[in-house]
């Protein structure tokens, strides 16, 4: 299973290259969609879901 650290190490360079290659208009659209999603899903619910998932994963 891929750990979160490895996922982040893969994600950050991939996003950097993607943003470097993409035109500004597409980047603005992507960030706009991310903002819309974050407005719909409160951060506290996302954080609680991550906490619950990690507790279930670590419980024997």
Protein backbone atom coordinates (compact mmCIF):
# COMPACT_ATOMS: atom_id res chain seq x y z
CA UNK A 1 0.00 0.00 0.00
CA UNK A 2 1.24 3.47 -0.87
CA UNK A 3 1.67 5.67 2.18
CA UNK A 4 0.51 9.27 2.40
CA UNK A 5 4.12 10.49 2.34
CA UNK A 6 4.84 8.74 -0.95
CA UNK A 7 1.56 10.03 -2.40
CA UNK A 8 2.53 13.59 -1.46
CA UNK A 9 6.04 13.14 -2.88
CA UNK A 10 4.48 12.02 -6.17
CA UNK A 11 1.65 14.58 -6.16
CA UNK A 12 3.67 17.77 -5.59
CA UNK A 13 6.14 17.37 -8.51
CA UNK A 14 3.33 16.17 -10.80
CA UNK A 15 1.20 19.22 -9.99
CA UNK A 16 4.22 21.53 -10.38
CA UNK A 17 4.92 20.19 -13.87
CA UNK A 18 1.23 20.29 -14.76
CA UNK A 19 0.86 23.93 -13.70
CA UNK A 20 4.08 24.86 -15.48
CA UNK A 21 2.83 23.38 -18.77
CA UNK A 22 -0.82 24.50 -18.57
CA UNK A 23 -2.12 27.89 -19.70
CA UNK A 24 -3.19 30.37 -17.00
CA UNK A 25 -6.89 30.12 -17.92
CA UNK A 26 -7.01 26.40 -17.19
CA UNK A 27 -5.20 26.89 -13.87
CA UNK A 28 -7.77 29.52 -12.85
CA UNK A 29 -10.57 27.10 -13.72
CA UNK A 30 -8.98 24.33 -11.64
CA UNK A 31 -8.50 26.59 -8.61
CA UNK A 32 -12.07 27.86 -9.02
CA UNK A 33 -13.38 24.29 -8.91
CA UNK A 34 -11.25 23.54 -5.84
CA UNK A 35 -12.67 26.63 -4.10
CA UNK A 36 -16.24 25.59 -4.96
CA UNK A 37 -15.61 22.11 -3.57
CA UNK A 38 -14.12 23.48 -0.35
CA UNK A 39 -17.12 25.79 0.09
CA UNK A 40 -19.51 22.87 -0.29
CA UNK A 41 -17.54 20.54 1.98
CA UNK A 42 -16.62 22.16 5.28
CA UNK A 43 -13.02 21.54 6.33
CA UNK A 44 -14.14 20.19 9.71
CA UNK A 45 -16.10 17.37 8.05
CA UNK A 46 -13.16 16.47 5.83
CA UNK A 47 -10.82 16.49 8.84
CA UNK A 48 -13.23 14.35 10.87
CA UNK A 49 -13.49 11.83 8.03
CA UNK A 50 -9.69 11.59 7.82
CA UNK A 51 -9.42 11.15 11.60
CA UNK A 52 -12.09 8.42 11.60
CA UNK A 53 -10.40 6.65 8.69
CA UNK A 54 -6.99 6.72 10.39
CA UNK A 55 -8.47 5.41 13.66
CA UNK A 56 -10.15 2.51 11.84
CA UNK A 57 -6.95 1.78 9.95
CA UNK A 58 -4.84 1.68 13.14
CA UNK A 59 -7.30 -0.36 15.22
CA UNK A 60 -6.53 -4.10 15.27
